[in-house]
Protein backbone atom coordinates (compact mmCIF):
# COMPACT_ATOMS: atom_id res chain seq x y z
CA GLN A 1 0.51 0.09 -0.51
CA VAL A 2 1.82 3.65 -1.04
CA GLN A 3 1.94 5.55 1.93
CA LEU A 4 3.30 9.17 2.34
CA VAL A 5 2.79 10.55 5.68
CA GLU A 6 3.26 13.84 6.35
CA SER A 7 5.07 15.84 9.06
CA GLY A 8 6.46 18.83 10.80
CA GLY A 9 3.36 21.82 11.61
CA GLY A 10 3.13 22.94 14.82
CA LEU A 11 1.53 26.46 15.44
CA VAL A 12 3.65 29.05 14.88
CA GLN A 13 3.63 33.18 15.44
CA ALA A 14 3.93 35.07 12.81
CA GLY A 15 7.24 35.57 11.06
CA GLY A 16 8.96 31.72 12.08
CA SER A 17 9.85 29.22 10.14
CA LEU A 18 8.26 25.23 10.04
CA ARG A 19 10.49 22.82 7.83
CA LEU A 20 7.14 20.26 6.47
CA SER A 21 8.75 16.39 6.27
CA CYS A 22 6.51 14.06 3.75
CA ALA A 23 8.56 10.51 3.64
CA ALA A 24 6.87 7.88 0.49
CA SER A 25 6.11 4.11 0.51
CA ARG A 26 5.99 1.93 -1.68
CA PHE A 27 6.41 3.69 -5.01
CA THR A 28 8.82 4.40 -7.58
CA PHE A 29 8.92 8.09 -5.30
CA SER A 30 12.45 8.42 -7.24
CA SER A 31 10.66 9.36 -10.96
CA SER A 32 7.45 11.13 -9.38
CA VAL A 33 6.82 14.51 -9.95
CA THR A 34 5.82 16.10 -5.90
CA ALA A 35 4.17 18.89 -4.90
CA TRP A 36 2.33 20.70 -1.55
CA PHE A 37 -0.97 21.50 -0.98
CA ARG A 38 -3.13 23.42 0.71
CA GLN A 39 -6.58 23.57 2.13
CA ALA A 40 -7.39 26.42 4.81
CA PRO A 41 -11.60 26.09 6.41
CA GLY A 42 -14.09 26.58 3.78
CA LYS A 43 -11.74 26.63 0.99
CA GLU A 44 -10.57 24.41 -2.28
CA ARG A 45 -7.36 22.98 -1.99
CA GLU A 46 -4.45 24.81 -2.55
CA PHE A 47 -1.28 24.09 -5.11
CA VAL A 48 1.52 25.43 -2.83
CA ALA A 49 4.82 23.86 -4.65
CA ALA A 50 5.95 21.06 -6.80
CA ILE A 51 9.07 19.53 -7.55
CA THR A 52 10.32 16.95 -10.32
CA SER A 53 11.50 13.73 -10.00
CA SER A 54 15.52 14.38 -10.76
CA GLY A 55 14.98 17.93 -7.97
CA GLY A 56 16.27 20.22 -10.97
CA SER A 57 13.25 22.46 -11.22
CA ARG A 58 10.61 24.57 -9.20
CA TYR A 59 7.92 26.03 -8.80
CA ASN A 60 6.26 27.74 -6.28
CA THR A 61 2.65 29.83 -5.93
CA ASP A 62 2.78 33.32 -6.20
CA SER A 63 2.04 34.02 -2.75
CA VAL A 64 4.36 31.64 -1.37
CA LYS A 65 7.64 32.61 -3.46
CA GLY A 66 10.88 34.34 -1.88
CA ARG A 67 8.98 32.67 1.10
CA PHE A 68 8.38 29.23 0.59
CA ALA A 69 11.61 26.67 -0.72
CA ILE A 70 10.30 22.73 -2.12
CA SER A 71 13.29 20.53 -1.41
CA ARG A 72 13.89 16.71 -2.41
CA ASP A 73 16.52 13.63 -1.09
CA ASN A 74 15.42 11.08 -3.40
CA ALA A 75 17.90 9.03 -1.73
CA LYS A 76 15.78 9.32 1.72
CA ASN A 77 12.87 9.46 -0.66
CA THR A 78 11.78 12.74 1.32
CA VAL A 79 9.93 15.32 -0.13
CA TYR A 80 10.44 19.40 2.47
CA LEU A 81 9.09 22.40 2.16
CA GLN A 82 11.11 24.90 4.43
CA MET A 83 7.93 27.88 4.83
CA ASN A 84 10.08 31.40 6.17
CA SER A 85 7.89 34.25 7.13
CA LEU A 86 4.73 32.78 7.57
CA LYS A 87 1.61 34.62 7.52
CA PRO A 88 -2.18 33.81 9.30
CA ASP A 89 -2.94 33.32 6.00
CA ASP A 90 -0.60 30.22 5.78
CA THR A 91 -2.79 28.31 8.53
CA ALA A 92 -4.46 25.37 6.51
CA VAL A 93 -3.92 21.53 6.37
CA TYR A 94 -1.10 21.38 3.47
CA TYR A 95 -0.30 18.10 1.78
CA CYS A 96 2.07 16.52 0.49
CA ALA A 97 1.05 14.67 -3.03
CA ALA A 98 2.75 12.28 -5.87
CA ARG A 99 2.28 12.57 -8.88
CA THR A 100 3.38 9.22 -11.40
CA VAL A 101 2.38 8.64 -14.43
CA THR A 102 3.94 11.90 -15.77
CA GLY A 103 6.99 13.24 -15.40
CA ILE A 104 5.75 17.07 -16.41
CA VAL A 105 4.00 19.31 -12.74
CA THR A 106 0.09 20.32 -12.90
CA ASP A 107 -0.68 22.53 -10.35
CA ILE A 108 -3.81 20.68 -10.72
CA PRO A 109 -5.09 18.20 -7.61
CA GLY A 110 -6.38 16.15 -9.64
CA ARG A 111 -3.12 14.66 -11.50
CA TYR A 112 -2.22 13.93 -8.62
CA ASN A 113 -2.63 10.18 -7.40
CA TYR A 114 -0.99 9.71 -4.89
CA TRP A 115 -2.07 11.45 -1.63
CA GLY A 116 -0.59 12.30 2.30
CA GLN A 117 -3.44 12.24 5.26
CA GLY A 118 -1.80 16.26 5.91
CA THR A 119 -0.50 18.13 8.71
CA GLN A 120 -1.85 20.96 10.51
CA VAL A 121 -0.07 24.40 10.15
CA THR A 122 -0.83 27.50 12.79
CA VAL A 123 0.42 31.01 12.19
CA SER A 124 -0.93 33.49 14.91
CA SER A 125 0.05 36.49 14.91
């Protein structure tokens, strides 16, 4: 059974930092596009960042550019999201996702075939 397990969420004050991790198992992680999405209460799931299988290309949504950075370690089957200068608007459940059918990055949630259970990030003002 494929697993994606997120960790690293929590409560932080505005301006603080968190590092999310997502450990993958039971599929060929090193061949997958991986991404982070987030979902705030009452809102749709939103693309945050994505990274190609080799780590050679990375993409961020405009609202997190210059603050968040996605990275991966294929030897550890893990993808990370370093979040700096956090704002209350960043409060959400953060999900990692993997896309194995193609190497093309997309910001559409439905195009990812594996998902983690999510980790809560709460930023206080």
